[in-house]
Amino acid sequence: MTPEGRLAASIDMLHEVAEAPRRPADAIAADFFRARRYIGGSDRRAVSDLAWGVLRQRLRLEWWLRELGARPTPRLLALAHIMLIERMRATEAARRFDGGRFGPGPLDVGEAGVAEALDGRPLIGKAMPEGVRLNLPDWALPGLAARFGDALPAEAAAMEKPAPLDLRVNRLRGERAAAIAALRAEGFAPEPTQFSPDGLRLPHRAAITATAAYREGLVEVQDEGSQLIAALVGARPGMRVADYCAGAAGKTLAMAASMANQGRITACDVSAPRLEGAVKRLRRAGVHNAETHLLAPGDRWAKRRAGTFDRVLVDAPCTGSGTWRRNPDARFRTNAQDLA
């Protein structure tokens, strides 16, 4: 793909993210590339990097556009990114919007004016409010300020760095050495994680879901911290285990592997779509000792089973701020009402 084609694809992806504000951007990106299998690996990475760069700096980019009296459209957000972050000058940025067969359409008069006004500006403006300057949503700022105090600017800066990608090797399908070999054969360079005995780490986002290792259930995407939580449960073959806030069942999968498919594990959640996704993951991973249960208001399921489980894991819903490095869009999918 040409640079113009990559820019156009990134804008298309940002449109899809904007149209589904409550859906995780990584799920949208997976569907986006699945529908465009002609996009190769290096192009896919470039398209993702630009789109994720916009999402990571969305607060600041939107502030600048609104300061200039412009509505933050996906096109203008991409334009602001290549100018304020990639430090492209206005004339060069305008050439990227060339109107060619695969590139984005030419800048209109208003968009060209925005480009001229952004030329040479810094990403972080002196007049920015504190939340925008720190790249933190207003709803989260009071709690984070109370938690970190004077260290908040350093913590916020650390949160802006792109996260590595952690994987968990599914021992129901193979050992860590086999997963490393399989991923290296497909052009990846995984390294063992520091603490999790089943973890692998890639230095940046990657199209893991397109690999044979992922499709065959040998690896799952899971942060090392989550892997350690599952390990601390101490689930063993023959036990009865309840994962009470299972979501898409990432920890259920990890515990099922530690149980060697023996015993019984029940993945519970209040969200039917999450549990539907869990069923697909369990099937791909070769898990046979797990079932799902949809919790409803007034549900007496837990009361009727009191004292019957060897282990119960409650990884309760939270703000998810610990995932903002990996999922910068999560800053905008959560609000004060969700936290309450």
C-alpha atoms as a PDB file:
ATOM      1  CA  MET A   1       0.000   0.000   0.000  1.00  0.00           C
ATOM      2  CA  THR A   2       1.066   3.562  -0.602  1.00  0.00           C
ATOM      3  CA  PRO A   3       1.277   5.989   2.334  1.00  0.00           C
ATOM      4  CA  GLU A   4      -1.917   7.554   0.996  1.00  0.00           C
ATOM      5  CA  GLY A   5      -3.642   4.164   0.932  1.00  0.00           C
ATOM      6  CA  ARG A   6      -2.585   3.440   4.498  1.00  0.00           C
ATOM      7  CA  LEU A   7      -3.922   6.832   5.583  1.00  0.00           C
ATOM      8  CA  ALA A   8      -7.261   6.161   3.882  1.00  0.00           C
ATOM      9  CA  ALA A   9      -7.554   2.744   5.541  1.00  0.00           C
ATOM     10  CA  SER A  10      -6.785   4.261   8.955  1.00  0.00           C
ATOM     11  CA  ILE A  11      -9.510   6.863   8.443  1.00  0.00           C
ATOM     12  CA  ASP A  12     -11.958   4.116   7.468  1.00  0.00           C
ATOM     13  CA  MET A  13     -11.099   2.212  10.646  1.00  0.00           C
ATOM     14  CA  LEU A  14     -11.567   5.353  12.758  1.00  0.00           C
ATOM     15  CA  HIS A  15     -15.006   5.816  11.161  1.00  0.00           C
ATOM     16  CA  GLU A  16     -15.985   2.318  12.273  1.00  0.00           C
ATOM     17  CA  VAL A  17     -14.712   2.982  15.813  1.00  0.00           C
ATOM     18  CA  ALA A  18     -16.717   6.233  15.959  1.00  0.00           C
ATOM     19  CA  GLU A  19     -19.885   4.455  14.835  1.00  0.00           C
ATOM     20  CA  ALA A  20     -19.661   1.904  17.682  1.00  0.00           C
ATOM     21  CA  PRO A  21     -18.425   3.943  20.690  1.00  0.00           C
ATOM     22  CA  ARG A  22     -19.161   1.230  23.266  1.00  0.00           C
ATOM     23  CA  ARG A  23     -17.457  -1.579  21.361  1.00  0.00           C
ATOM     24  CA  PRO A  24     -13.732  -2.237  21.986  1.00  0.00           C
ATOM     25  CA  ALA A  25     -11.574  -0.865  19.183  1.00  0.00           C
ATOM     26  CA  ASP A  26      -9.464  -4.013  19.012  1.00  0.00           C
ATOM     27  CA  ALA A  27     -12.575  -6.066  18.178  1.00  0.00           C
ATOM     28  CA  ILE A  28     -13.520  -3.529  15.502  1.00  0.00           C
ATOM     29  CA  ALA A  29      -9.988  -3.683  14.083  1.00  0.00           C
ATOM     30  CA  ALA A  30     -10.105  -7.492  13.954  1.00  0.00           C
ATOM     31  CA  ASP A  31     -13.338  -7.377  11.924  1.00  0.00           C
ATOM     32  CA  PHE A  32     -11.938  -4.566   9.771  1.00  0.00           C
ATOM     33  CA  PHE A  33      -8.883  -6.567   8.698  1.00  0.00           C
ATOM     34  CA  ARG A  34     -10.853  -9.807   8.414  1.00  0.00           C
ATOM     35  CA  ALA A  35     -12.965  -8.100   5.759  1.00  0.00           C
ATOM     36  CA  ARG A  36      -9.815  -6.821   3.992  1.00  0.00           C
ATOM     37  CA  ARG A  37      -7.553  -9.860   3.804  1.00  0.00           C
ATOM     38  CA  TYR A  38      -5.691  -8.239   0.912  1.00  0.00           C
ATOM     39  CA  ILE A  39      -3.960  -5.918   3.413  1.00  0.00           C
ATOM     40  CA  GLY A  40      -0.537  -7.449   4.147  1.00  0.00           C
ATOM     41  CA  GLY A  41       1.214  -7.674   7.485  1.00  0.00           C
ATOM     42  CA  SER A  42       3.392  -4.552   7.260  1.00  0.00           C
ATOM     43  CA  ASP A  43       0.521  -2.473   5.886  1.00  0.00           C
ATOM     44  CA  ARG A  44      -1.776  -3.777   8.606  1.00  0.00           C
ATOM     45  CA  ARG A  45       0.714  -2.687  11.234  1.00  0.00           C
ATOM     46  CA  ALA A  46       1.033   0.794   9.687  1.00  0.00           C
ATOM     47  CA  VAL A  47      -2.744   1.241   9.453  1.00  0.00           C
ATOM     48  CA  SER A  48      -3.193   0.102  13.059  1.00  0.00           C
ATOM     49  CA  ASP A  49      -0.374   2.321  14.332  1.00  0.00           C
ATOM     50  CA  LEU A  50      -1.953   5.444  12.887  1.00  0.00           C
ATOM     51  CA  ALA A  51      -5.459   4.582  14.090  1.00  0.00           C
ATOM     52  CA  TRP A  52      -4.198   3.641  17.565  1.00  0.00           C
ATOM     53  CA  GLY A  53      -2.067   6.787  17.622  1.00  0.00           C
ATOM     54  CA  VAL A  54      -5.210   8.850  17.090  1.00  0.00           C
ATOM     55  CA  LEU A  55      -7.080   6.955  19.814  1.00  0.00           C
ATOM     56  CA  ARG A  56      -4.123   7.321  22.189  1.00  0.00           C
ATOM     57  CA  GLN A  57      -3.970  11.092  21.698  1.00  0.00           C
ATOM     58  CA  ARG A  58      -7.649  11.688  21.025  1.00  0.00           C
ATOM     59  CA  LEU A  59      -8.186  14.133  23.918  1.00  0.00           C
ATOM     60  CA  ARG A  60      -5.393  16.433  22.748  1.00  0.00           C
ATOM     61  CA  LEU A  61      -6.189  16.146  19.047  1.00  0.00           C
ATOM     62  CA  GLU A  62      -9.863  16.930  19.657  1.00  0.00           C
ATOM     63  CA  TRP A  63      -8.937  19.888  21.869  1.00  0.00           C
ATOM     64  CA  TRP A  64      -6.815  21.421  19.114  1.00  0.00           C
ATOM     65  CA  LEU A  65      -9.504  20.915  16.490  1.00  0.00           C
ATOM     66  CA  ARG A  66     -12.179  22.474  18.677  1.00  0.00           C
ATOM     67  CA  GLU A  67      -9.857  25.376  19.486  1.00  0.00           C
ATOM     68  CA  LEU A  68      -9.737  25.984  15.740  1.00  0.00           C
ATOM     69  CA  GLY A  69     -13.520  25.802  15.479  1.00  0.00           C
ATOM     70  CA  ALA A  70     -13.510  22.446  13.679  1.00  0.00           C
ATOM     71  CA  ARG A  71     -15.563  19.336  14.387  1.00  0.00           C
ATOM     72  CA  PRO A  72     -13.265  16.366  15.161  1.00  0.00           C
ATOM     73  CA  THR A  73     -14.060  14.026  12.267  1.00  0.00           C
ATOM     74  CA  PRO A  74     -11.950  10.907  11.585  1.00  0.00           C
ATOM     75  CA  ARG A  75     -10.351  12.727   8.631  1.00  0.00           C
ATOM     76  CA  LEU A  76      -9.383  15.741  10.729  1.00  0.00           C
ATOM     77  CA  LEU A  77      -8.183  13.573  13.616  1.00  0.00           C
ATOM     78  CA  ALA A  78      -5.910  11.688  11.204  1.00  0.00           C
ATOM     79  CA  LEU A  79      -4.725  14.999   9.749  1.00  0.00           C
ATOM     80  CA  ALA A  80      -4.004  16.351  13.236  1.00  0.00           C
ATOM     81  CA  HIS A  81      -2.101  13.167  14.096  1.00  0.00           C
ATOM     82  CA  ILE A  82       0.246  13.317  11.112  1.00  0.00           C
ATOM     83  CA  MET A  83       0.894  17.002  11.785  1.00  0.00           C
ATOM     84  CA  LEU A  84       1.093  17.214  15.592  1.00  0.00           C
ATOM     85  CA  ILE A  85       2.630  13.799  16.288  1.00  0.00           C
ATOM     86  CA  GLU A  86       4.435  12.835  13.079  1.00  0.00           C
ATOM     87  CA  ARG A  87       5.426  16.527  12.702  1.00  0.00           C
ATOM     88  CA  MET A  88       4.416  16.734   9.046  1.00  0.00           C
ATOM     89  CA  ARG A  89       4.145  20.220   7.565  1.00  0.00           C
ATOM     90  CA  ALA A  90       0.862  21.461   6.085  1.00  0.00           C
ATOM     91  CA  THR A  91       1.934  21.189   2.432  1.00  0.00           C
ATOM     92  CA  GLU A  92       3.156  17.611   2.850  1.00  0.00           C
ATOM     93  CA  ALA A  93       0.063  16.627   4.851  1.00  0.00           C
ATOM     94  CA  ALA A  94      -2.184  18.029   2.111  1.00  0.00           C
ATOM     95  CA  ARG A  95      -0.384  15.863  -0.447  1.00  0.00           C
ATOM     96  CA  ARG A  96      -1.350  12.750   1.552  1.00  0.00           C
ATOM     97  CA  PHE A  97      -4.994  13.644   0.867  1.00  0.00           C
ATOM     98  CA  ASP A  98      -4.389  13.303  -2.855  1.00  0.00           C
ATOM     99  CA  GLY A  99      -7.775  12.080  -4.015  1.00  0.00           C
ATOM    100  CA  GLY A 100      -6.081   9.205  -5.842  1.00  0.00           C
ATOM    101  CA  ARG A 101      -7.623   5.803  -6.413  1.00  0.00           C
ATOM    102  CA  PHE A 102      -6.684   4.409  -3.007  1.00  0.00           C
ATOM    103  CA  GLY A 103      -5.978   7.610  -1.044  1.00  0.00           C
ATOM    104  CA  PRO A 104      -8.332   9.874   0.908  1.00  0.00           C
ATOM    105  CA  GLY A 105     -10.176  12.625  -0.934  1.00  0.00           C
ATOM    106  CA  PRO A 106      -8.573  16.065  -1.173  1.00  0.00           C
ATOM    107  CA  LEU A 107      -8.873  18.465   1.751  1.00  0.00           C
ATOM    108  CA  ASP A 108     -11.770  20.876   1.355  1.00  0.00           C
ATOM    109  CA  VAL A 109     -11.351  24.566   2.082  1.00  0.00           C
ATOM    110  CA  GLY A 110     -12.176  24.207   5.776  1.00  0.00           C
ATOM    111  CA  GLU A 111      -9.872  21.213   6.245  1.00  0.00           C
ATOM    112  CA  ALA A 112      -7.052  22.989   4.419  1.00  0.00           C
ATOM    113  CA  GLY A 113      -7.514  25.914   6.806  1.00  0.00           C
ATOM    114  CA  VAL A 114      -7.171  23.573   9.767  1.00  0.00           C
ATOM    115  CA  ALA A 115      -3.961  22.181   8.282  1.00  0.00           C
ATOM    116  CA  GLU A 116      -2.524  25.672   7.902  1.00  0.00           C
ATOM    117  CA  ALA A 117      -3.499  26.558  11.476  1.00  0.00           C
ATOM    118  CA  LEU A 118      -1.905  23.396  12.882  1.00  0.00           C
ATOM    119  CA  ASP A 119       1.354  23.876  11.000  1.00  0.00           C
ATOM    120  CA  GLY A 120       4.231  23.858  13.494  1.00  0.00           C
ATOM    121  CA  ARG A 121       2.044  23.676  16.598  1.00  0.00           C
ATOM    122  CA  PRO A 122       3.137  21.533  19.585  1.00  0.00           C
ATOM    123  CA  LEU A 123       1.023  18.559  20.588  1.00  0.00           C
ATOM    124  CA  ILE A 124       0.620  19.832  24.163  1.00  0.00           C
ATOM    125  CA  GLY A 125      -0.585  23.431  24.300  1.00  0.00           C
ATOM    126  CA  LYS A 126      -0.090  25.707  27.296  1.00  0.00           C
ATOM    127  CA  ALA A 127      -3.783  26.593  27.462  1.00  0.00           C
ATOM    128  CA  MET A 128      -4.928  22.983  27.685  1.00  0.00           C
ATOM    129  CA  PRO A 129      -6.938  22.052  30.799  1.00  0.00           C
ATOM    130  CA  GLU A 130      -5.230  19.640  33.173  1.00  0.00           C
ATOM    131  CA  GLY A 131      -7.061  16.527  32.016  1.00  0.00           C
ATOM    132  CA  VAL A 132      -6.243  17.161  28.356  1.00  0.00           C
ATOM    133  CA  ARG A 133      -2.640  18.061  29.171  1.00  0.00           C
ATOM    134  CA  LEU A 134      -2.233  14.783  31.101  1.00  0.00           C
ATOM    135  CA  ASN A 135      -4.287  12.873  28.507  1.00  0.00           C
ATOM    136  CA  LEU A 136      -6.732  11.664  31.157  1.00  0.00           C
ATOM    137  CA  PRO A 137     -10.560  11.774  30.945  1.00  0.00           C
ATOM    138  CA  ASP A 138     -12.277  14.259  33.272  1.00  0.00           C
ATOM    139  CA  TRP A 139     -14.312  11.553  35.028  1.00  0.00           C
ATOM    140  CA  ALA A 140     -11.134   9.751  36.143  1.00  0.00           C
ATOM    141  CA  LEU A 141      -8.994  12.764  37.015  1.00  0.00           C
ATOM    142  CA  PRO A 142     -10.157  13.337  40.659  1.00  0.00           C
ATOM    143  CA  GLY A 143      -9.640   9.702  41.670  1.00  0.00           C
ATOM    144  CA  LEU A 144      -6.270   9.442  39.968  1.00  0.00           C
ATOM    145  CA  ALA A 145      -5.106  12.741  41.482  1.00  0.00           C
ATOM    146  CA  ALA A 146      -6.102  11.522  44.953  1.00  0.00           C
ATOM    147  CA  ARG A 147      -4.300   8.230  44.382  1.00  0.00           C
ATOM    148  CA  PHE A 148      -1.033   9.506  42.878  1.00  0.00           C
ATOM    149  CA  GLY A 149      -0.729  13.134  44.045  1.00  0.00           C
ATOM    150  CA  ASP A 150       2.415  14.819  42.722  1.00  0.00           C
ATOM    151  CA  ALA A 151       3.386  11.631  40.889  1.00  0.00           C
ATOM    152  CA  LEU A 152       0.346  11.823  38.602  1.00  0.00           C
ATOM    153  CA  PRO A 153       2.127  13.513  35.642  1.00  0.00           C
ATOM    154  CA  ALA A 154       4.771  10.766  35.593  1.00  0.00           C
ATOM    155  CA  GLU A 155       2.112   8.043  35.898  1.00  0.00           C
ATOM    156  CA  ALA A 156       0.060   9.626  33.120  1.00  0.00           C
ATOM    157  CA  ALA A 157       3.118   9.850  30.866  1.00  0.00           C
ATOM    158  CA  ALA A 158       3.897   6.174  31.475  1.00  0.00           C
ATOM    159  CA  MET A 159       0.314   5.281  30.557  1.00  0.00           C
ATOM    160  CA  GLU A 160       0.794   6.842  27.116  1.00  0.00           C
ATOM    161  CA  LYS A 161       3.518   4.422  26.055  1.00  0.00           C
ATOM    162  CA  PRO A 162       2.309   1.589  23.795  1.00  0.00           C
ATOM    163  CA  ALA A 163       1.937  -1.658  25.696  1.00  0.00           C
ATOM    164  CA  PRO A 164       3.560  -4.962  24.788  1.00  0.00           C
ATOM    165  CA  LEU A 165       1.335  -7.859  23.799  1.00  0.00           C
ATOM    166  CA  ASP A 166       1.168 -10.738  26.264  1.00  0.00           C
ATOM    167  CA  LEU A 167       0.059 -14.241  25.350  1.00  0.00           C
ATOM    168  CA  ARG A 168      -0.703 -17.291  27.479  1.00  0.00           C
ATOM    169  CA  VAL A 169       0.324 -20.698  26.211  1.00  0.00           C
ATOM    170  CA  ASN A 170      -2.572 -23.159  26.449  1.00  0.00           C
ATOM    171  CA  ARG A 171      -1.043 -26.328  27.908  1.00  0.00           C
ATOM    172  CA  LEU A 172      -4.075 -28.288  26.776  1.00  0.00           C
ATOM    173  CA  ARG A 173      -2.697 -27.784  23.249  1.00  0.00           C
ATOM    174  CA  GLY A 174       1.056 -27.744  23.790  1.00  0.00           C
ATOM    175  CA  GLU A 175       4.055 -26.485  25.786  1.00  0.00           C
ATOM    176  CA  ARG A 176       5.623 -23.031  25.781  1.00  0.00           C
ATOM    177  CA  ALA A 177       8.569 -24.153  23.632  1.00  0.00           C
ATOM    178  CA  ALA A 178       6.151 -25.389  20.966  1.00  0.00           C
ATOM    179  CA  ALA A 179       4.272 -22.070  21.000  1.00  0.00           C
ATOM    180  CA  ILE A 180       7.526 -20.107  20.663  1.00  0.00           C
ATOM    181  CA  ALA A 181       8.566 -22.233  17.695  1.00  0.00           C
ATOM    182  CA  ALA A 182       5.159 -21.906  16.025  1.00  0.00           C
ATOM    183  CA  LEU A 183       5.089 -18.124  16.390  1.00  0.00           C
ATOM    184  CA  ARG A 184       8.686 -17.714  15.210  1.00  0.00           C
ATOM    185  CA  ALA A 185       7.821 -19.754  12.125  1.00  0.00           C
ATOM    186  CA  GLU A 186       5.178 -17.116  11.346  1.00  0.00           C
ATOM    187  CA  GLY A 187       7.593 -14.212  11.729  1.00  0.00           C
ATOM    188  CA  PHE A 188       7.054 -13.222  15.381  1.00  0.00           C
ATOM    189  CA  ALA A 189       9.694 -12.967  18.098  1.00  0.00           C
ATOM    190  CA  PRO A 190       8.060 -13.919  21.426  1.00  0.00           C
ATOM    191  CA  GLU A 191      10.017 -13.981  24.679  1.00  0.00           C
ATOM    192  CA  PRO A 192       9.011 -15.751  27.929  1.00  0.00           C
ATOM    193  CA  THR A 193       7.355 -13.455  30.472  1.00  0.00           C
ATOM    194  CA  GLN A 194       9.218 -12.717  33.690  1.00  0.00           C
ATOM    195  CA  PHE A 195       6.744 -14.208  36.173  1.00  0.00           C
ATOM    196  CA  SER A 196       4.074 -16.310  34.466  1.00  0.00           C
ATOM    197  CA  PRO A 197       5.342 -19.781  33.540  1.00  0.00           C
ATOM    198  CA  ASP A 198       2.856 -19.902  30.654  1.00  0.00           C
ATOM    199  CA  GLY A 199       3.372 -16.364  29.355  1.00  0.00           C
ATOM    200  CA  LEU A 200       4.947 -14.990  26.184  1.00  0.00           C
ATOM    201  CA  ARG A 201       5.548 -11.338  25.360  1.00  0.00           C
ATOM    202  CA  LEU A 202       5.743  -9.505  22.058  1.00  0.00           C
ATOM    203  CA  PRO A 203       7.144  -5.956  22.119  1.00  0.00           C
ATOM    204  CA  HIS A 204       4.102  -4.362  20.440  1.00  0.00           C
ATOM    205  CA  ARG A 205       0.648  -4.972  19.001  1.00  0.00           C
ATOM    206  CA  ALA A 206       0.563  -7.738  16.415  1.00  0.00           C
ATOM    207  CA  ALA A 207      -2.007  -9.575  14.311  1.00  0.00           C
ATOM    208  CA  ILE A 208      -1.876 -12.668  16.499  1.00  0.00           C
ATOM    209  CA  THR A 209      -5.465 -13.695  15.763  1.00  0.00           C
ATOM    210  CA  ALA A 210      -4.439 -14.404  12.153  1.00  0.00           C
ATOM    211  CA  THR A 211      -1.786 -16.967  13.194  1.00  0.00           C
ATOM    212  CA  ALA A 212      -2.191 -20.723  13.168  1.00  0.00           C
ATOM    213  CA  ALA A 213      -1.048 -20.825  16.810  1.00  0.00           C
ATOM    214  CA  TYR A 214      -4.033 -18.675  17.799  1.00  0.00           C
ATOM    215  CA  ARG A 215      -6.590 -20.317  15.503  1.00  0.00           C
ATOM    216  CA  GLU A 216      -5.624 -23.754  16.805  1.00  0.00           C
ATOM    217  CA  GLY A 217      -5.909 -22.653  20.442  1.00  0.00           C
ATOM    218  CA  LEU A 218      -2.219 -22.947  21.299  1.00  0.00           C
ATOM    219  CA  VAL A 219      -2.047 -19.331  22.525  1.00  0.00           C
ATOM    220  CA  GLU A 220      -4.516 -16.820  23.948  1.00  0.00           C
ATOM    221  CA  VAL A 221      -4.139 -13.070  24.330  1.00  0.00           C
ATOM    222  CA  GLN A 222      -3.902 -12.377  28.075  1.00  0.00           C
ATOM    223  CA  ASP A 223      -1.875  -9.904  30.147  1.00  0.00           C
ATOM    224  CA  GLU A 224       0.708 -11.429  32.432  1.00  0.00           C
ATOM    225  CA  GLY A 225      -1.059  -9.909  35.445  1.00  0.00           C
ATOM    226  CA  SER A 226      -4.275 -11.725  34.576  1.00  0.00           C
ATOM    227  CA  GLN A 227      -2.346 -14.951  34.110  1.00  0.00           C
ATOM    228  CA  LEU A 228      -0.923 -14.577  37.618  1.00  0.00           C
ATOM    229  CA  ILE A 229      -4.380 -13.992  39.120  1.00  0.00           C
ATOM    230  CA  ALA A 230      -5.581 -17.240  37.549  1.00  0.00           C
ATOM    231  CA  ALA A 231      -2.489 -19.044  38.818  1.00  0.00           C
ATOM    232  CA  LEU A 232      -2.998 -17.757  42.387  1.00  0.00           C
ATOM    233  CA  VAL A 233      -6.418 -19.435  42.494  1.00  0.00           C
ATOM    234  CA  GLY A 234      -4.572 -22.746  42.647  1.00  0.00           C
ATOM    235  CA  ALA A 235      -7.154 -24.669  40.621  1.00  0.00           C
ATOM    236  CA  ARG A 236      -6.138 -28.321  40.315  1.00  0.00           C
ATOM    237  CA  PRO A 237      -7.494 -31.389  38.484  1.00  0.00           C
ATOM    238  CA  GLY A 238     -10.732 -32.678  40.027  1.00  0.00           C
ATOM    239  CA  MET A 239     -11.712 -29.420  41.772  1.00  0.00           C
ATOM    240  CA  ARG A 240     -14.992 -27.509  41.384  1.00  0.00           C
ATOM    241  CA  VAL A 241     -14.272 -23.870  40.548  1.00  0.00           C
ATOM    242  CA  ALA A 242     -16.482 -20.834  39.939  1.00  0.00           C
ATOM    243  CA  ASP A 243     -15.260 -17.828  37.944  1.00  0.00           C
ATOM    244  CA  TYR A 244     -17.934 -15.429  39.165  1.00  0.00           C
ATOM    245  CA  CYS A 245     -17.195 -12.381  36.947  1.00  0.00           C
ATOM    246  CA  ALA A 246     -15.826 -14.291  33.999  1.00  0.00           C
ATOM    247  CA  GLY A 247     -16.478 -11.856  31.147  1.00  0.00           C
ATOM    248  CA  ALA A 248     -15.056 -13.469  28.016  1.00  0.00           C
ATOM    249  CA  ALA A 249     -13.530 -16.205  30.204  1.00  0.00           C
ATOM    250  CA  GLY A 250      -9.821 -15.424  29.886  1.00  0.00           C
ATOM    251  CA  LYS A 251      -9.113 -16.608  33.431  1.00  0.00           C
ATOM    252  CA  THR A 252     -11.538 -19.510  33.046  1.00  0.00           C
ATOM    253  CA  LEU A 253      -9.398 -20.713  30.147  1.00  0.00           C
ATOM    254  CA  ALA A 254      -6.226 -20.407  32.204  1.00  0.00           C
ATOM    255  CA  MET A 255      -7.723 -22.263  35.177  1.00  0.00           C
ATOM    256  CA  ALA A 256      -9.175 -24.992  32.954  1.00  0.00           C
ATOM    257  CA  ALA A 257      -5.672 -25.624  31.606  1.00  0.00           C
ATOM    258  CA  SER A 258      -4.238 -25.850  35.132  1.00  0.00           C
ATOM    259  CA  MET A 259      -7.012 -28.352  35.907  1.00  0.00           C
ATOM    260  CA  ALA A 260      -5.972 -30.459  32.880  1.00  0.00           C
ATOM    261  CA  ASN A 261      -9.629 -30.600  31.777  1.00  0.00           C
ATOM    262  CA  GLN A 262     -10.526 -32.543  34.932  1.00  0.00           C
ATOM    263  CA  GLY A 263     -13.086 -31.414  37.490  1.00  0.00           C
ATOM    264  CA  ARG A 264     -15.622 -28.676  36.744  1.00  0.00           C
ATOM    265  CA  ILE A 265     -15.382 -24.918  36.252  1.00  0.00           C
ATOM    266  CA  THR A 266     -18.370 -22.594  35.852  1.00  0.00           C
ATOM    267  CA  ALA A 267     -17.932 -19.236  34.143  1.00  0.00           C
ATOM    268  CA  CYS A 268     -20.575 -16.765  35.358  1.00  0.00           C
ATOM    269  CA  ASP A 269     -21.378 -13.277  34.122  1.00  0.00           C
ATOM    270  CA  VAL A 270     -24.274 -10.829  33.817  1.00  0.00           C
ATOM    271  CA  SER A 271     -23.557 -10.249  30.112  1.00  0.00           C
ATOM    272  CA  ALA A 272     -24.897 -12.735  27.555  1.00  0.00           C
ATOM    273  CA  PRO A 273     -22.696 -11.402  24.700  1.00  0.00           C
ATOM    274  CA  ARG A 274     -19.564 -11.844  26.832  1.00  0.00           C
ATOM    275  CA  LEU A 275     -20.511 -15.407  27.679  1.00  0.00           C
ATOM    276  CA  GLU A 276     -21.265 -16.154  24.022  1.00  0.00           C
ATOM    277  CA  GLY A 277     -17.729 -15.037  23.227  1.00  0.00           C
ATOM    278  CA  ALA A 278     -16.488 -17.215  26.069  1.00  0.00           C
ATOM    279  CA  VAL A 279     -18.081 -20.329  24.555  1.00  0.00           C
ATOM    280  CA  LYS A 280     -16.196 -19.766  21.291  1.00  0.00           C
ATOM    281  CA  ARG A 281     -12.900 -19.333  23.135  1.00  0.00           C
ATOM    282  CA  LEU A 282     -13.451 -22.444  25.250  1.00  0.00           C
ATOM    283  CA  ARG A 283     -14.148 -24.485  22.140  1.00  0.00           C
ATOM    284  CA  ARG A 284     -11.036 -23.233  20.337  1.00  0.00           C
ATOM    285  CA  ALA A 285      -8.879 -23.942  23.394  1.00  0.00           C
ATOM    286  CA  GLY A 286     -10.101 -27.535  23.682  1.00  0.00           C
ATOM    287  CA  VAL A 287     -11.659 -26.978  27.128  1.00  0.00           C
ATOM    288  CA  HIS A 288     -14.164 -29.718  28.033  1.00  0.00           C
ATOM    289  CA  ASN A 289     -14.605 -29.221  31.779  1.00  0.00           C
ATOM    290  CA  ALA A 290     -16.228 -25.762  31.685  1.00  0.00           C
ATOM    291  CA  GLU A 291     -19.806 -24.506  31.496  1.00  0.00           C
ATOM    292  CA  THR A 292     -21.277 -21.000  31.475  1.00  0.00           C
ATOM    293  CA  HIS A 293     -24.047 -19.474  33.574  1.00  0.00           C
ATOM    294  CA  LEU A 294     -25.785 -16.174  32.884  1.00  0.00           C
ATOM    295  CA  LEU A 295     -26.472 -14.391  36.173  1.00  0.00           C
ATOM    296  CA  ALA A 296     -29.741 -12.459  36.417  1.00  0.00           C
ATOM    297  CA  PRO A 297     -31.231 -10.134  39.085  1.00  0.00           C
ATOM    298  CA  GLY A 298     -32.574 -12.228  41.942  1.00  0.00           C
ATOM    299  CA  ASP A 299     -30.677 -15.281  40.705  1.00  0.00           C
ATOM    300  CA  ARG A 300     -30.479 -17.908  43.480  1.00  0.00           C
ATOM    301  CA  TRP A 301     -27.867 -19.964  41.594  1.00  0.00           C
ATOM    302  CA  ALA A 302     -25.042 -19.045  43.974  1.00  0.00           C
ATOM    303  CA  LYS A 303     -27.126 -19.513  47.128  1.00  0.00           C
ATOM    304  CA  ARG A 304     -28.198 -23.005  46.066  1.00  0.00           C
ATOM    305  CA  ARG A 305     -24.552 -23.958  45.507  1.00  0.00           C
ATOM    306  CA  ALA A 306     -23.117 -22.454  48.682  1.00  0.00           C
ATOM    307  CA  GLY A 307     -20.217 -24.519  49.994  1.00  0.00           C
ATOM    308  CA  THR A 308     -19.956 -26.737  46.921  1.00  0.00           C
ATOM    309  CA  PHE A 309     -16.947 -25.086  45.261  1.00  0.00           C
ATOM    310  CA  ASP A 310     -13.285 -25.619  46.125  1.00  0.00           C
ATOM    311  CA  ARG A 311     -12.344 -22.213  44.689  1.00  0.00           C
ATOM    312  CA  VAL A 312     -14.290 -19.065  43.737  1.00  0.00           C
ATOM    313  CA  LEU A 313     -12.635 -16.277  41.778  1.00  0.00           C
ATOM    314  CA  VAL A 314     -14.238 -12.827  41.860  1.00  0.00           C
ATOM    315  CA  ASP A 315     -12.329 -10.465  39.596  1.00  0.00           C
ATOM    316  CA  ALA A 316     -14.904  -7.715  39.999  1.00  0.00           C
ATOM    317  CA  PRO A 317     -15.651  -5.154  37.241  1.00  0.00           C
ATOM    318  CA  CYS A 318     -13.609  -1.972  37.527  1.00  0.00           C
ATOM    319  CA  THR A 319     -12.649   1.104  35.524  1.00  0.00           C
ATOM    320  CA  GLY A 320     -10.149  -0.888  33.470  1.00  0.00           C
ATOM    321  CA  SER A 321      -7.664   1.988  33.686  1.00  0.00           C
ATOM    322  CA  GLY A 322      -4.853  -0.551  33.948  1.00  0.00           C
ATOM    323  CA  THR A 323      -5.525  -1.525  30.341  1.00  0.00           C
ATOM    324  CA  TRP A 324      -5.360   1.991  28.876  1.00  0.00           C
ATOM    325  CA  ARG A 325      -1.865   1.459  27.502  1.00  0.00           C
ATOM    326  CA  ARG A 326      -3.084  -1.459  25.425  1.00  0.00           C
ATOM    327  CA  ASN A 327      -6.631  -0.185  24.792  1.00  0.00           C
ATOM    328  CA  PRO A 328      -6.503   3.627  24.682  1.00  0.00           C
ATOM    329  CA  ASP A 329     -10.119   3.763  23.484  1.00  0.00           C
ATOM    330  CA  ALA A 330     -11.209   2.356  26.874  1.00  0.00           C
ATOM    331  CA  ARG A 331     -10.723   5.856  28.321  1.00  0.00           C
ATOM    332  CA  PHE A 332     -13.816   6.884  26.363  1.00  0.00           C
ATOM    333  CA  ARG A 333     -15.874   3.690  26.678  1.00  0.00           C
ATOM    334  CA  THR A 334     -16.102   4.170  30.463  1.00  0.00           C
ATOM    335  CA  ASN A 335     -17.594   7.137  32.304  1.00  0.00           C
ATOM    336  CA  ALA A 336     -18.454   8.284  35.824  1.00  0.00           C
ATOM    337  CA  GLN A 337     -21.868   6.620  35.646  1.00  0.00           C
ATOM    338  CA  ASP A 338     -20.246   3.266  34.845  1.00  0.00           C
ATOM    339  CA  LEU A 339     -17.944   3.638  37.834  1.00  0.00           C
ATOM    340  CA  ALA A 340     -20.848   4.509  40.152  1.00  0.00           C
END
